[in-house]
Amino acid sequence: MLEKPPVTIIDHANGGKGRIILEHIAGPETLRENARLFVKATLEKGCSMGVHKHKGDREIYHILSGKALYTDNDKTYEMNPGDSACCENGNSHGIENIGGENLVFIGLILYDLDKKEE
């Protein structure tokens, strides 16, 4: 069984509104050189993670509950439970809770294969 790393709360993540609560699923000792982050994330009503660029890695979001407005570079999409999105290396993304309940999603940041070979 994996040891549970501590919960992290970040205010105004990447310039976003409110706070994001990160429940770490696996820590660095498990992820090693393959991934940077594997979390269950919660954005409360009206909260967001600001648009930010990925360099050397990619991030997958998978919505568990709630309703999101996902920004993928210059486009926005509504996301609902069961939907997934991937922000590739060099691209930008952000996410906002636009529903009446908490937005809960899985976030997984994987290192880019090119970065591993450097």
PDB file of N, CA and C in Angstrom:
ATOM      1  N   MET A   1       0.848  -1.174   0.000  1.00  0.00           N
ATOM      2  CA  MET A   1       0.000   0.000   0.000  1.00  0.00           C
ATOM      3  C   MET A   1       0.898   1.243   0.000  1.00  0.00           C
ATOM      4  N   LEU A   2       0.509   2.240  -0.785  1.00  0.00           N
ATOM      5  CA  LEU A   2       1.291   3.469  -0.869  1.00  0.00           C
ATOM      6  C   LEU A   2       1.079   4.342   0.358  1.00  0.00           C
ATOM      7  N   GLU A   3       2.163   4.978   0.799  1.00  0.00           N
ATOM      8  CA  GLU A   3       2.067   5.945   1.886  1.00  0.00           C
ATOM      9  C   GLU A   3       1.365   7.186   1.350  1.00  0.00           C
ATOM     10  N   LYS A   4       0.450   7.745   2.156  1.00  0.00           N
ATOM     11  CA  LYS A   4      -0.289   8.929   1.727  1.00  0.00           C
ATOM     12  C   LYS A   4       0.527  10.191   2.010  1.00  0.00           C
ATOM     13  N   PRO A   5       0.962  10.882   0.960  1.00  0.00           N
ATOM     14  CA  PRO A   5       1.632  12.169   1.175  1.00  0.00           C
ATOM     15  C   PRO A   5       0.613  13.179   1.715  1.00  0.00           C
ATOM     16  N   PRO A   6       1.077  14.274   2.290  1.00  0.00           N
ATOM     17  CA  PRO A   6       0.157  15.262   2.867  1.00  0.00           C
ATOM     18  C   PRO A   6      -0.672  15.990   1.805  1.00  0.00           C
ATOM     19  N   VAL A   7      -1.830  16.490   2.248  1.00  0.00           N
ATOM     20  CA  VAL A   7      -2.693  17.322   1.406  1.00  0.00           C
ATOM     21  C   VAL A   7      -2.028  18.683   1.248  1.00  0.00           C
ATOM     22  N   THR A   8      -2.097  19.249   0.046  1.00  0.00           N
ATOM     23  CA  THR A   8      -1.541  20.566  -0.236  1.00  0.00           C
ATOM     24  C   THR A   8      -2.671  21.500  -0.643  1.00  0.00           C
ATOM     25  N   ILE A   9      -2.689  22.694  -0.081  1.00  0.00           N
ATOM     26  CA  ILE A   9      -3.670  23.716  -0.468  1.00  0.00           C
ATOM     27  C   ILE A   9      -2.894  24.886  -1.057  1.00  0.00           C
ATOM     28  N   ILE A  10      -3.280  25.277  -2.281  1.00  0.00           N
ATOM     29  CA  ILE A  10      -2.596  26.371  -2.960  1.00  0.00           C
ATOM     30  C   ILE A  10      -3.609  27.476  -3.231  1.00  0.00           C
ATOM     31  N   ASP A  11      -3.336  28.664  -2.712  1.00  0.00           N
ATOM     32  CA  ASP A  11      -4.175  29.830  -2.971  1.00  0.00           C
ATOM     33  C   ASP A  11      -3.784  30.452  -4.301  1.00  0.00           C
ATOM     34  N   HIS A  12      -4.768  30.797  -5.101  1.00  0.00           N
ATOM     35  CA  HIS A  12      -4.579  31.500  -6.386  1.00  0.00           C
ATOM     36  C   HIS A  12      -3.554  30.789  -7.282  1.00  0.00           C
ATOM     37  N   ALA A  13      -3.734  29.478  -7.437  1.00  0.00           N
ATOM     38  CA  ALA A  13      -2.806  28.666  -8.229  1.00  0.00           C
ATOM     39  C   ALA A  13      -2.691  29.193  -9.655  1.00  0.00           C
ATOM     40  N   ASN A  14      -1.479  29.484 -10.067  1.00  0.00           N
ATOM     41  CA  ASN A  14      -1.194  30.019 -11.408  1.00  0.00           C
ATOM     42  C   ASN A  14      -2.058  31.235 -11.732  1.00  0.00           C
ATOM     43  N   GLY A  15      -2.319  32.061 -10.724  1.00  0.00           N
ATOM     44  CA  GLY A  15      -3.108  33.274 -10.929  1.00  0.00           C
ATOM     45  C   GLY A  15      -4.606  33.049 -10.932  1.00  0.00           C
ATOM     46  N   GLY A  16      -5.046  31.866 -10.531  1.00  0.00           N
ATOM     47  CA  GLY A  16      -6.470  31.543 -10.514  1.00  0.00           C
ATOM     48  C   GLY A  16      -7.206  32.153  -9.332  1.00  0.00           C
ATOM     49  N   LYS A  17      -8.499  31.859  -9.254  1.00  0.00           N
ATOM     50  CA  LYS A  17      -9.363  32.368  -8.194  1.00  0.00           C
ATOM     51  C   LYS A  17      -9.473  31.345  -7.069  1.00  0.00           C
ATOM     52  N   GLY A  18      -9.486  31.828  -5.838  1.00  0.00           N
ATOM     53  CA  GLY A  18      -9.692  30.940  -4.697  1.00  0.00           C
ATOM     54  C   GLY A  18      -8.526  30.014  -4.456  1.00  0.00           C
ATOM     55  N   ARG A  19      -8.866  28.763  -4.133  1.00  0.00           N
ATOM     56  CA  ARG A  19      -7.810  27.803  -3.800  1.00  0.00           C
ATOM     57  C   ARG A  19      -8.076  26.458  -4.459  1.00  0.00           C
ATOM     58  N   ILE A  20      -7.021  25.686  -4.572  1.00  0.00           N
ATOM     59  CA  ILE A  20      -7.129  24.315  -5.043  1.00  0.00           C
ATOM     60  C   ILE A  20      -6.593  23.410  -3.944  1.00  0.00           C
ATOM     61  N   ILE A  21      -7.286  22.311  -3.715  1.00  0.00           N
ATOM     62  CA  ILE A  21      -6.901  21.340  -2.694  1.00  0.00           C
ATOM     63  C   ILE A  21      -6.366  20.110  -3.425  1.00  0.00           C
ATOM     64  N   LEU A  22      -5.129  19.733  -3.143  1.00  0.00           N
ATOM     65  CA  LEU A  22      -4.477  18.609  -3.815  1.00  0.00           C
ATOM     66  C   LEU A  22      -4.257  17.472  -2.830  1.00  0.00           C
ATOM     67  N   GLU A  23      -4.930  16.355  -3.083  1.00  0.00           N
ATOM     68  CA  GLU A  23      -4.726  15.135  -2.300  1.00  0.00           C
ATOM     69  C   GLU A  23      -3.805  14.244  -3.122  1.00  0.00           C
ATOM     70  N   HIS A  24      -2.568  14.132  -2.691  1.00  0.00           N
ATOM     71  CA  HIS A  24      -1.566  13.386  -3.448  1.00  0.00           C
ATOM     72  C   HIS A  24      -1.886  11.892  -3.414  1.00  0.00           C
ATOM     73  N   ILE A  25      -1.900  11.284  -4.590  1.00  0.00           N
ATOM     74  CA  ILE A  25      -2.160   9.853  -4.705  1.00  0.00           C
ATOM     75  C   ILE A  25      -0.853   9.082  -4.567  1.00  0.00           C
ATOM     76  N   ALA A  26       0.208   9.605  -5.148  1.00  0.00           N
ATOM     77  CA  ALA A  26       1.532   8.994  -5.040  1.00  0.00           C
ATOM     78  C   ALA A  26       2.568  10.107  -4.976  1.00  0.00           C
ATOM     79  N   GLY A  27       3.595   9.873  -4.188  1.00  0.00           N
ATOM     80  CA  GLY A  27       4.657  10.864  -4.030  1.00  0.00           C
ATOM     81  C   GLY A  27       5.860  10.570  -4.901  1.00  0.00           C
ATOM     82  N   PRO A  28       6.907  11.368  -4.776  1.00  0.00           N
ATOM     83  CA  PRO A  28       8.112  11.245  -5.607  1.00  0.00           C
ATOM     84  C   PRO A  28       8.773   9.869  -5.537  1.00  0.00           C
ATOM     85  N   GLU A  29       8.712   9.211  -4.378  1.00  0.00           N
ATOM     86  CA  GLU A  29       9.362   7.907  -4.251  1.00  0.00           C
ATOM     87  C   GLU A  29       8.685   6.851  -5.117  1.00  0.00           C
ATOM     88  N   THR A  30       7.422   7.049  -5.453  1.00  0.00           N
ATOM     89  CA  THR A  30       6.692   6.130  -6.329  1.00  0.00           C
ATOM     90  C   THR A  30       6.754   6.580  -7.780  1.00  0.00           C
ATOM     91  N   LEU A  31       6.608   7.875  -8.013  1.00  0.00           N
ATOM     92  CA  LEU A  31       6.578   8.417  -9.372  1.00  0.00           C
ATOM     93  C   LEU A  31       7.958   8.390 -10.025  1.00  0.00           C
ATOM     94  N   ARG A  32       9.000   8.588  -9.225  1.00  0.00           N
ATOM     95  CA  ARG A  32      10.401   8.608  -9.669  1.00  0.00           C
ATOM     96  C   ARG A  32      10.603   9.524 -10.862  1.00  0.00           C
ATOM     97  N   GLU A  33      11.311   9.044 -11.897  1.00  0.00           N
ATOM     98  CA  GLU A  33      11.617   9.906 -13.039  1.00  0.00           C
ATOM     99  C   GLU A  33      10.516   9.899 -14.094  1.00  0.00           C
ATOM    100  N   ASN A  34       9.415   9.204 -13.830  1.00  0.00           N
ATOM    101  CA  ASN A  34       8.349   9.069 -14.827  1.00  0.00           C
ATOM    102  C   ASN A  34       7.313  10.191 -14.782  1.00  0.00           C
ATOM    103  N   ALA A  35       7.048  10.698 -13.596  1.00  0.00           N
ATOM    104  CA  ALA A  35       5.964  11.675 -13.437  1.00  0.00           C
ATOM    105  C   ALA A  35       6.318  12.659 -12.335  1.00  0.00           C
ATOM    106  N   ARG A  36       5.739  13.841 -12.442  1.00  0.00           N
ATOM    107  CA  ARG A  36       5.988  14.887 -11.452  1.00  0.00           C
ATOM    108  C   ARG A  36       4.872  14.969 -10.417  1.00  0.00           C
ATOM    109  N   LEU A  37       3.629  14.633 -10.829  1.00  0.00           N
ATOM    110  CA  LEU A  37       2.489  14.847  -9.939  1.00  0.00           C
ATOM    111  C   LEU A  37       1.372  13.872 -10.281  1.00  0.00           C
ATOM    112  N   PHE A  38       0.733  13.317  -9.249  1.00  0.00           N
ATOM    113  CA  PHE A  38      -0.437  12.454  -9.411  1.00  0.00           C
ATOM    114  C   PHE A  38      -1.342  12.766  -8.236  1.00  0.00           C
ATOM    115  N   VAL A  39      -2.434  13.516  -8.494  1.00  0.00           N
ATOM    116  CA  VAL A  39      -3.277  14.026  -7.416  1.00  0.00           C
ATOM    117  C   VAL A  39      -4.766  13.890  -7.727  1.00  0.00           C
ATOM    118  N   LYS A  40      -5.548  13.906  -6.654  1.00  0.00           N
ATOM    119  CA  LYS A  40      -6.988  14.163  -6.744  1.00  0.00           C
ATOM    120  C   LYS A  40      -7.126  15.621  -6.335  1.00  0.00           C
ATOM    121  N   ALA A  41      -7.636  16.441  -7.257  1.00  0.00           N
ATOM    122  CA  ALA A  41      -7.711  17.888  -7.031  1.00  0.00           C
ATOM    123  C   ALA A  41      -9.158  18.314  -6.833  1.00  0.00           C
ATOM    124  N   THR A  42      -9.351  19.292  -5.950  1.00  0.00           N
ATOM    125  CA  THR A  42     -10.685  19.843  -5.709  1.00  0.00           C
ATOM    126  C   THR A  42     -10.638  21.353  -5.855  1.00  0.00           C
ATOM    127  N   LEU A  43     -11.518  21.870  -6.704  1.00  0.00           N
ATOM    128  CA  LEU A  43     -11.754  23.305  -6.819  1.00  0.00           C
ATOM    129  C   LEU A  43     -13.154  23.563  -6.298  1.00  0.00           C
ATOM    130  N   GLU A  44     -13.252  24.368  -5.262  1.00  0.00           N
ATOM    131  CA  GLU A  44     -14.556  24.698  -4.708  1.00  0.00           C
ATOM    132  C   GLU A  44     -15.310  25.623  -5.656  1.00  0.00           C
ATOM    133  N   LYS A  45     -16.586  25.799  -5.410  1.00  0.00           N
ATOM    134  CA  LYS A  45     -17.448  26.644  -6.244  1.00  0.00           C
ATOM    135  C   LYS A  45     -16.781  28.005  -6.485  1.00  0.00           C
ATOM    136  N   GLY A  46     -16.685  28.398  -7.765  1.00  0.00           N
ATOM    137  CA  GLY A  46     -16.118  29.697  -8.128  1.00  0.00           C
ATOM    138  C   GLY A  46     -14.603  29.759  -8.177  1.00  0.00           C
ATOM    139  N   CYS A  47     -13.926  28.660  -7.876  1.00  0.00           N
ATOM    140  CA  CYS A  47     -12.455  28.653  -7.861  1.00  0.00           C
ATOM    141  C   CYS A  47     -11.898  28.175  -9.195  1.00  0.00           C
ATOM    142  N   SER A  48     -10.641  28.519  -9.455  1.00  0.00           N
ATOM    143  CA  SER A  48     -10.002  28.125 -10.706  1.00  0.00           C
ATOM    144  C   SER A  48      -8.501  27.968 -10.528  1.00  0.00           C
ATOM    145  N   MET A  49      -7.913  27.266 -11.495  1.00  0.00           N
ATOM    146  CA  MET A  49      -6.466  27.234 -11.649  1.00  0.00           C
ATOM    147  C   MET A  49      -6.194  28.030 -12.913  1.00  0.00           C
ATOM    148  N   GLY A  50      -5.382  29.060 -12.797  1.00  0.00           N
ATOM    149  CA  GLY A  50      -5.115  29.937 -13.928  1.00  0.00           C
ATOM    150  C   GLY A  50      -4.410  29.238 -15.072  1.00  0.00           C
ATOM    151  N   VAL A  51      -4.516  29.827 -16.248  1.00  0.00           N
ATOM    152  CA  VAL A  51      -3.875  29.284 -17.445  1.00  0.00           C
ATOM    153  C   VAL A  51      -2.356  29.333 -17.257  1.00  0.00           C
ATOM    154  N   HIS A  52      -1.718  28.216 -17.539  1.00  0.00           N
ATOM    155  CA  HIS A  52      -0.267  28.103 -17.389  1.00  0.00           C
ATOM    156  C   HIS A  52       0.285  27.186 -18.470  1.00  0.00           C
ATOM    157  N   LYS A  53       1.574  27.348 -18.775  1.00  0.00           N
ATOM    158  CA  LYS A  53       2.231  26.601 -19.854  1.00  0.00           C
ATOM    159  C   LYS A  53       3.026  25.435 -19.284  1.00  0.00           C
ATOM    160  N   HIS A  54       3.000  24.329 -20.001  1.00  0.00           N
ATOM    161  CA  HIS A  54       3.802  23.165 -19.608  1.00  0.00           C
ATOM    162  C   HIS A  54       5.084  23.119 -20.421  1.00  0.00           C
ATOM    163  N   LYS A  55       6.191  22.935 -19.710  1.00  0.00           N
ATOM    164  CA  LYS A  55       7.513  22.872 -20.335  1.00  0.00           C
ATOM    165  C   LYS A  55       8.200  21.596 -19.859  1.00  0.00           C
ATOM    166  N   GLY A  56       8.446  20.682 -20.773  1.00  0.00           N
ATOM    167  CA  GLY A  56       9.125  19.439 -20.425  1.00  0.00           C
ATOM    168  C   GLY A  56       8.213  18.353 -19.896  1.00  0.00           C
ATOM    169  N   ASP A  57       6.909  18.622 -19.858  1.00  0.00           N
ATOM    170  CA  ASP A  57       5.972  17.613 -19.378  1.00  0.00           C
ATOM    171  C   ASP A  57       4.600  17.845 -20.000  1.00  0.00           C
ATOM    172  N   ARG A  58       3.691  16.919 -19.745  1.00  0.00           N
ATOM    173  CA  ARG A  58       2.304  17.047 -20.196  1.00  0.00           C
ATOM    174  C   ARG A  58       1.406  16.710 -19.006  1.00  0.00           C
ATOM    175  N   GLU A  59       0.177  17.242 -19.023  1.00  0.00           N
ATOM    176  CA  GLU A  59      -0.736  16.996 -17.908  1.00  0.00           C
ATOM    177  C   GLU A  59      -2.085  16.509 -18.414  1.00  0.00           C
ATOM    178  N   ILE A  60      -2.573  15.474 -17.750  1.00  0.00           N
ATOM    179  CA  ILE A  60      -3.887  14.914 -18.032  1.00  0.00           C
ATOM    180  C   ILE A  60      -4.815  15.276 -16.878  1.00  0.00           C
ATOM    181  N   TYR A  61      -6.015  15.748 -17.212  1.00  0.00           N
ATOM    182  CA  TYR A  61      -7.088  15.956 -16.235  1.00  0.00           C
ATOM    183  C   TYR A  61      -8.201  14.960 -16.555  1.00  0.00           C
ATOM    184  N   HIS A  62      -8.757  14.338 -15.528  1.00  0.00           N
ATOM    185  CA  HIS A  62      -9.920  13.465 -15.685  1.00  0.00           C
ATOM    186  C   HIS A  62     -10.951  13.899 -14.646  1.00  0.00           C
ATOM    187  N   ILE A  63     -12.118  14.337 -15.113  1.00  0.00           N
ATOM    188  CA  ILE A  63     -13.151  14.874 -14.225  1.00  0.00           C
ATOM    189  C   ILE A  63     -13.891  13.749 -13.520  1.00  0.00           C
ATOM    190  N   LEU A  64     -13.942  13.815 -12.181  1.00  0.00           N
ATOM    191  CA  LEU A  64     -14.676  12.842 -11.376  1.00  0.00           C
ATOM    192  C   LEU A  64     -16.076  13.346 -11.036  1.00  0.00           C
ATOM    193  N   SER A  65     -16.186  14.630 -10.656  1.00  0.00           N
ATOM    194  CA  SER A  65     -17.499  15.204 -10.330  1.00  0.00           C
ATOM    195  C   SER A  65     -17.446  16.717 -10.505  1.00  0.00           C
ATOM    196  N   GLY A  66     -18.632  17.300 -10.752  1.00  0.00           N
ATOM    197  CA  GLY A  66     -18.725  18.736 -10.949  1.00  0.00           C
ATOM    198  C   GLY A  66     -18.695  19.106 -12.418  1.00  0.00           C
ATOM    199  N   LYS A  67     -18.663  20.411 -12.670  1.00  0.00           N
ATOM    200  CA  LYS A  67     -18.683  20.945 -14.034  1.00  0.00           C
ATOM    201  C   LYS A  67     -17.533  21.932 -14.172  1.00  0.00           C
ATOM    202  N   ALA A  68     -16.781  21.796 -15.274  1.00  0.00           N
ATOM    203  CA  ALA A  68     -15.581  22.617 -15.472  1.00  0.00           C
ATOM    204  C   ALA A  68     -15.638  23.375 -16.785  1.00  0.00           C
ATOM    205  N   LEU A  69     -14.958  24.502 -16.791  1.00  0.00           N
ATOM    206  CA  LEU A  69     -14.633  25.206 -18.024  1.00  0.00           C
ATOM    207  C   LEU A  69     -13.130  25.027 -18.188  1.00  0.00           C
ATOM    208  N   TYR A  70     -12.745  24.298 -19.231  1.00  0.00           N
ATOM    209  CA  TYR A  70     -11.343  23.968 -19.466  1.00  0.00           C
ATOM    210  C   TYR A  70     -10.813  24.841 -20.590  1.00  0.00           C
ATOM    211  N   THR A  71      -9.680  25.491 -20.361  1.00  0.00           N
ATOM    212  CA  THR A  71      -9.020  26.295 -21.374  1.00  0.00           C
ATOM    213  C   THR A  71      -7.852  25.507 -21.934  1.00  0.00           C
ATOM    214  N   ASP A  72      -7.854  25.337 -23.257  1.00  0.00           N
ATOM    215  CA  ASP A  72      -6.805  24.621 -23.964  1.00  0.00           C
ATOM    216  C   ASP A  72      -6.220  25.597 -24.972  1.00  0.00           C
ATOM    217  N   ASN A  73      -5.070  26.192 -24.629  1.00  0.00           N
ATOM    218  CA  ASN A  73      -4.478  27.276 -25.412  1.00  0.00           C
ATOM    219  C   ASN A  73      -5.519  28.393 -25.524  1.00  0.00           C
ATOM    220  N   ASP A  74      -6.054  28.663 -26.717  1.00  0.00           N
ATOM    221  CA  ASP A  74      -7.007  29.772 -26.878  1.00  0.00           C
ATOM    222  C   ASP A  74      -8.456  29.320 -26.977  1.00  0.00           C
ATOM    223  N   LYS A  75      -8.733  28.036 -26.773  1.00  0.00           N
ATOM    224  CA  LYS A  75     -10.101  27.519 -26.864  1.00  0.00           C
ATOM    225  C   LYS A  75     -10.583  27.103 -25.480  1.00  0.00           C
ATOM    226  N   THR A  76     -11.901  27.171 -25.278  1.00  0.00           N
ATOM    227  CA  THR A  76     -12.475  26.716 -24.022  1.00  0.00           C
ATOM    228  C   THR A  76     -13.541  25.662 -24.298  1.00  0.00           C
ATOM    229  N   TYR A  77     -13.641  24.715 -23.370  1.00  0.00           N
ATOM    230  CA  TYR A  77     -14.573  23.606 -23.476  1.00  0.00           C
ATOM    231  C   TYR A  77     -15.229  23.370 -22.120  1.00  0.00           C
ATOM    232  N   GLU A  78     -16.475  22.955 -22.136  1.00  0.00           N
ATOM    233  CA  GLU A  78     -17.123  22.518 -20.904  1.00  0.00           C
ATOM    234  C   GLU A  78     -16.766  21.057 -20.699  1.00  0.00           C
ATOM    235  N   MET A  79     -16.440  20.697 -19.464  1.00  0.00           N
ATOM    236  CA  MET A  79     -16.115  19.310 -19.133  1.00  0.00           C
ATOM    237  C   MET A  79     -17.016  18.842 -18.006  1.00  0.00           C
ATOM    238  N   ASN A  80     -17.390  17.572 -18.075  1.00  0.00           N
ATOM    239  CA  ASN A  80     -18.288  16.953 -17.100  1.00  0.00           C
ATOM    240  C   ASN A  80     -17.685  15.641 -16.627  1.00  0.00           C
ATOM    241  N   PRO A  81     -18.270  15.007 -15.593  1.00  0.00           N
ATOM    242  CA  PRO A  81     -17.724  13.746 -15.098  1.00  0.00           C
ATOM    243  C   PRO A  81     -17.520  12.730 -16.223  1.00  0.00           C
ATOM    244  N   GLY A  82     -16.344  12.103 -16.220  1.00  0.00           N
ATOM    245  CA  GLY A  82     -15.972  11.131 -17.236  1.00  0.00           C
ATOM    246  C   GLY A  82     -15.170  11.715 -18.375  1.00  0.00           C
ATOM    247  N   ASP A  83     -15.137  13.046 -18.498  1.00  0.00           N
ATOM    248  CA  ASP A  83     -14.362  13.697 -19.556  1.00  0.00           C
ATOM    249  C   ASP A  83     -12.890  13.811 -19.144  1.00  0.00           C
ATOM    250  N   SER A  84     -12.016  13.746 -20.149  1.00  0.00           N
ATOM    251  CA  SER A  84     -10.575  13.890 -19.924  1.00  0.00           C
ATOM    252  C   SER A  84      -9.986  14.856 -20.940  1.00  0.00           C
ATOM    253  N   ALA A  85      -8.870  15.492 -20.568  1.00  0.00           N
ATOM    254  CA  ALA A  85      -8.150  16.398 -21.467  1.00  0.00           C
ATOM    255  C   ALA A  85      -6.663  16.245 -21.196  1.00  0.00           C
ATOM    256  N   CYS A  86      -5.860  16.500 -22.226  1.00  0.00           N
ATOM    257  CA  CYS A  86      -4.408  16.422 -22.084  1.00  0.00           C
ATOM    258  C   CYS A  86      -3.781  17.694 -22.630  1.00  0.00           C
ATOM    259  N   CYS A  87      -2.948  18.323 -21.818  1.00  0.00           N
ATOM    260  CA  CYS A  87      -2.179  19.489 -22.239  1.00  0.00           C
ATOM    261  C   CYS A  87      -0.768  18.998 -22.563  1.00  0.00           C
ATOM    262  N   GLU A  88      -0.423  19.061 -23.836  1.00  0.00           N
ATOM    263  CA  GLU A  88       0.873  18.566 -24.294  1.00  0.00           C
ATOM    264  C   GLU A  88       2.003  19.546 -23.947  1.00  0.00           C
ATOM    265  N   ASN A  89       3.214  19.043 -23.937  1.00  0.00           N
ATOM    266  CA  ASN A  89       4.416  19.834 -23.709  1.00  0.00           C
ATOM    267  C   ASN A  89       4.420  21.049 -24.641  1.00  0.00           C
ATOM    268  N   GLY A  90       4.629  22.229 -24.085  1.00  0.00           N
ATOM    269  CA  GLY A  90       4.677  23.469 -24.858  1.00  0.00           C
ATOM    270  C   GLY A  90       3.347  24.173 -24.979  1.00  0.00           C
ATOM    271  N   ASN A  91       2.257  23.529 -24.564  1.00  0.00           N
ATOM    272  CA  ASN A  91       0.931  24.132 -24.624  1.00  0.00           C
ATOM    273  C   ASN A  91       0.514  24.680 -23.269  1.00  0.00           C
ATOM    274  N   SER A  92      -0.580  25.451 -23.276  1.00  0.00           N
ATOM    275  CA  SER A  92      -1.101  26.067 -22.062  1.00  0.00           C
ATOM    276  C   SER A  92      -2.510  25.571 -21.775  1.00  0.00           C
ATOM    277  N   HIS A  93      -2.847  25.535 -20.495  1.00  0.00           N
ATOM    278  CA  HIS A  93      -4.211  25.167 -20.104  1.00  0.00           C
ATOM    279  C   HIS A  93      -4.543  25.737 -18.732  1.00  0.00           C
ATOM    280  N   GLY A  94      -5.836  25.721 -18.406  1.00  0.00           N
ATOM    281  CA  GLY A  94      -6.342  26.127 -17.110  1.00  0.00           C
ATOM    282  C   GLY A  94      -7.711  25.500 -16.919  1.00  0.00           C
ATOM    283  N   ILE A  95      -8.232  25.559 -15.699  1.00  0.00           N
ATOM    284  CA  ILE A  95      -9.523  24.944 -15.419  1.00  0.00           C
ATOM    285  C   ILE A  95     -10.253  25.754 -14.357  1.00  0.00           C
ATOM    286  N   GLU A  96     -11.580  25.855 -14.514  1.00  0.00           N
ATOM    287  CA  GLU A  96     -12.411  26.634 -13.588  1.00  0.00           C
ATOM    288  C   GLU A  96     -13.660  25.843 -13.236  1.00  0.00           C
ATOM    289  N   ASN A  97     -14.051  25.906 -11.967  1.00  0.00           N
ATOM    290  CA  ASN A  97     -15.295  25.295 -11.519  1.00  0.00           C
ATOM    291  C   ASN A  97     -16.435  26.233 -11.892  1.00  0.00           C
ATOM    292  N   ILE A  98     -17.330  25.774 -12.784  1.00  0.00           N
ATOM    293  CA  ILE A  98     -18.463  26.604 -13.189  1.00  0.00           C
ATOM    294  C   ILE A  98     -19.791  26.016 -12.709  1.00  0.00           C
ATOM    295  N   GLY A  99     -19.723  25.011 -11.840  1.00  0.00           N
ATOM    296  CA  GLY A  99     -20.928  24.367 -11.332  1.00  0.00           C
ATOM    297  C   GLY A  99     -21.269  24.826  -9.927  1.00  0.00           C
ATOM    298  N   GLY A 100     -22.311  24.238  -9.383  1.00  0.00           N
ATOM    299  CA  GLY A 100     -22.781  24.581  -8.047  1.00  0.00           C
ATOM    300  C   GLY A 100     -22.218  23.709  -6.953  1.00  0.00           C
ATOM    301  N   GLU A 101     -21.361  22.756  -7.307  1.00  0.00           N
ATOM    302  CA  GLU A 101     -20.738  21.861  -6.332  1.00  0.00           C
ATOM    303  C   GLU A 101     -19.232  21.864  -6.562  1.00  0.00           C
ATOM    304  N   ASN A 102     -18.506  21.163  -5.698  1.00  0.00           N
ATOM    305  CA  ASN A 102     -17.063  21.057  -5.886  1.00  0.00           C
ATOM    306  C   ASN A 102     -16.751  20.378  -7.220  1.00  0.00           C
ATOM    307  N   LEU A 103     -15.703  20.846  -7.867  1.00  0.00           N
ATOM    308  CA  LEU A 103     -15.152  20.203  -9.053  1.00  0.00           C
ATOM    309  C   LEU A 103     -14.008  19.322  -8.571  1.00  0.00           C
ATOM    310  N   VAL A 104     -14.116  18.018  -8.819  1.00  0.00           N
ATOM    311  CA  VAL A 104     -13.093  17.069  -8.376  1.00  0.00           C
ATOM    312  C   VAL A 104     -12.550  16.364  -9.611  1.00  0.00           C
ATOM    313  N   PHE A 105     -11.220  16.354  -9.738  1.00  0.00           N
ATOM    314  CA  PHE A 105     -10.597  15.734 -10.898  1.00  0.00           C
ATOM    315  C   PHE A 105      -9.249  15.135 -10.537  1.00  0.00           C
ATOM    316  N   ILE A 106      -8.812  14.194 -11.372  1.00  0.00           N
ATOM    317  CA  ILE A 106      -7.476  13.611 -11.239  1.00  0.00           C
ATOM    318  C   ILE A 106      -6.534  14.435 -12.110  1.00  0.00           C
ATOM    319  N   GLY A 107      -5.380  14.770 -11.586  1.00  0.00           N
ATOM    320  CA  GLY A 107      -4.334  15.446 -12.345  1.00  0.00           C
ATOM    321  C   GLY A 107      -3.082  14.586 -12.352  1.00  0.00           C
ATOM    322  N   LEU A 108      -2.556  14.340 -13.532  1.00  0.00           N
ATOM    323  CA  LEU A 108      -1.341  13.525 -13.675  1.00  0.00           C
ATOM    324  C   LEU A 108      -0.380  14.259 -14.594  1.00  0.00           C
ATOM    325  N   ILE A 109       0.794  14.611 -14.073  1.00  0.00           N
ATOM    326  CA  ILE A 109       1.819  15.271 -14.875  1.00  0.00           C
ATOM    327  C   ILE A 109       2.923  14.263 -15.169  1.00  0.00           C
ATOM    328  N   LEU A 110       3.071  13.969 -16.468  1.00  0.00           N
ATOM    329  CA  LEU A 110       4.080  13.014 -16.939  1.00  0.00           C
ATOM    330  C   LEU A 110       5.214  13.779 -17.617  1.00  0.00           C
ATOM    331  N   TYR A 111       6.441  13.391 -17.319  1.00  0.00           N
ATOM    332  CA  TYR A 111       7.580  14.015 -17.994  1.00  0.00           C
ATOM    333  C   TYR A 111       7.547  13.674 -19.478  1.00  0.00           C
ATOM    334  N   ASP A 112       7.930  14.623 -20.309  1.00  0.00           N
ATOM    335  CA  ASP A 112       8.004  14.407 -21.737  1.00  0.00           C
ATOM    336  C   ASP A 112       9.143  13.436 -22.030  1.00  0.00           C
ATOM    337  N   LEU A 113       8.933  12.512 -22.943  1.00  0.00           N
ATOM    338  CA  LEU A 113       9.961  11.515 -23.264  1.00  0.00           C
ATOM    339  C   LEU A 113      11.259  12.155 -23.722  1.00  0.00           C
ATOM    340  N   ASP A 114      11.172  13.254 -24.480  1.00  0.00           N
ATOM    341  CA  ASP A 114      12.382  13.942 -24.929  1.00  0.00           C
ATOM    342  C   ASP A 114      13.186  14.450 -23.752  1.00  0.00           C
ATOM    343  N   LYS A 115      12.490  14.912 -22.691  1.00  0.00           N
ATOM    344  CA  LYS A 115      13.180  15.409 -21.515  1.00  0.00           C
ATOM    345  C   LYS A 115      13.942  14.278 -20.813  1.00  0.00           C
ATOM    346  N   LYS A 116      13.337  13.087 -20.743  1.00  0.00           N
ATOM    347  CA  LYS A 116      13.983  11.948 -20.095  1.00  0.00           C
ATOM    348  C   LYS A 116      15.291  11.576 -20.778  1.00  0.00           C
ATOM    349  N   GLU A 117      15.387  11.795 -22.089  1.00  0.00           N
ATOM    350  CA  GLU A 117      16.568  11.387 -22.830  1.00  0.00           C
ATOM    351  C   GLU A 117      17.699  12.401 -22.739  1.00  0.00           C
ATOM    352  N   GLU A 118      17.432  13.593 -22.213  1.00  0.00           N
ATOM    353  CA  GLU A 118      18.479  14.638 -22.140  1.00  0.00           C
ATOM    354  C   GLU A 118      19.533  14.294 -21.117  1.00  0.00           C
TER     355      GLU A 118
END
